[in-house]
Amino acid sequence: MTAPGTDSDFTTAAASVSSRLARALLTRPLIVIFVLSVILASLISPAFLSTRNVFNLLQQSSIDGIIAIGMTFVILGAGIDLSVGAVAAFGGMAVAILVTQMGVPAPLAIFISVGLGALIGLGQGLITALTKVPSFIITLGSMVSIRGVTYLLTDGKPVFGVPDGLRYLGAGFVGPVPVVGIIFIVVTIAAALFLGRTRVGRYIFAAGGNPEAARLSGVPVASVIAFTFVVSGALAAFGGVLLTAWLNVGQPTASQGVELYAIAAVVLGGTSLFGGKGGVLGTFVAVILLTILSNILNLAGVSPYFQQILTGVVLVGTVLLNWAIARRSMPMA
């Protein structure tokens, strides 16, 4: 007879914990990975959870995170927007030119730059929705063209001399909290409320999940899809504005590759690449997680080139994990 507290009890308890972790990994993989990453980072650097470092993480995450929030709208609608990096650079250059060379007040310059981004998104969205051409083809062409226009604006030269009023948005603080981090949180909450509490938000899920059924139910699918690209373009341009404000320079080469980062964050956050499932709160957590992973790799002295490889591996691995979870949740025939 086995006495209490023996190795058998320990083995049973360990098996129970392992089973719960496995079940949690399959049902809430993002949360599990996030918690494990925080624990690992804390072990590597005791100062990781300090107030200063937490707010530094928020600041580092915010600009690309805002762009990823816009990407979430497009992917929920079963699309892909590869132009967000180019639109961000265009928006950043536009606001820099408006305030430094044309004397436009900063608030108006921001409004114009974001509006131009929204117009770019509208054009891409309408072409995608009306022609049925895959969005990655449309936005791939736009990515190249918009980047070229951005270079032409100043012959490829950066624009310096951003006024302090604009710089505050990207580099200012409210107490210890970065202003850009507050903006990121506000944008995320507003997007989550819009998607969850408005008719258009529900239409986005319907159009992305099953466009034909949505159309038969009276959903204006083409308009809804176009709207998701408007949001993506506007937030990409706004991210570019904030980047210019943070760096104190409009840089035509800015935000190269951010489109892949945004897609990785959206998918890692649980939004299906096939549309109709997910949300911006998952994207928010995923953006912070990717920043934490980058910090861990930097602390470990890992080459930034290898970090790019890891981002691709994380993206593919997450897609496969989400696919496996979806298969497990399907009813048996």
Foldseek 3Di string as FASTA:
>chain_A
DDDPPDVVVVVVVVVVVVVVLVVCCLVPVLVSLLVVLQVLLCVLPVCCPPPLNVLVLLLVLQLLLLLLQLQLLLLQLLAAAPQLLLLLLQLLQQLLCCVPPVVDDNVVSLVVSLQVLLVVLLVLLLCCLVVVDGSVVSNVVVNVVSLVVSCVVPVQDKHADDDPVLLQCQQNADVSHRNSSVVRVVSQVVQQCCLPPDPLNLLSLVNLVPVVVSVVVPRPNSVSSSNSSSSSSSSSSSSSSSVCSNVRMSGSVGRVPSSLVSLLLQLSLPAASSHNDGGSVSSVSSSSSLSSVVVSCVSVVHDVVVSVVVSVVSSVVSNVSSVVSVVVPDDDD
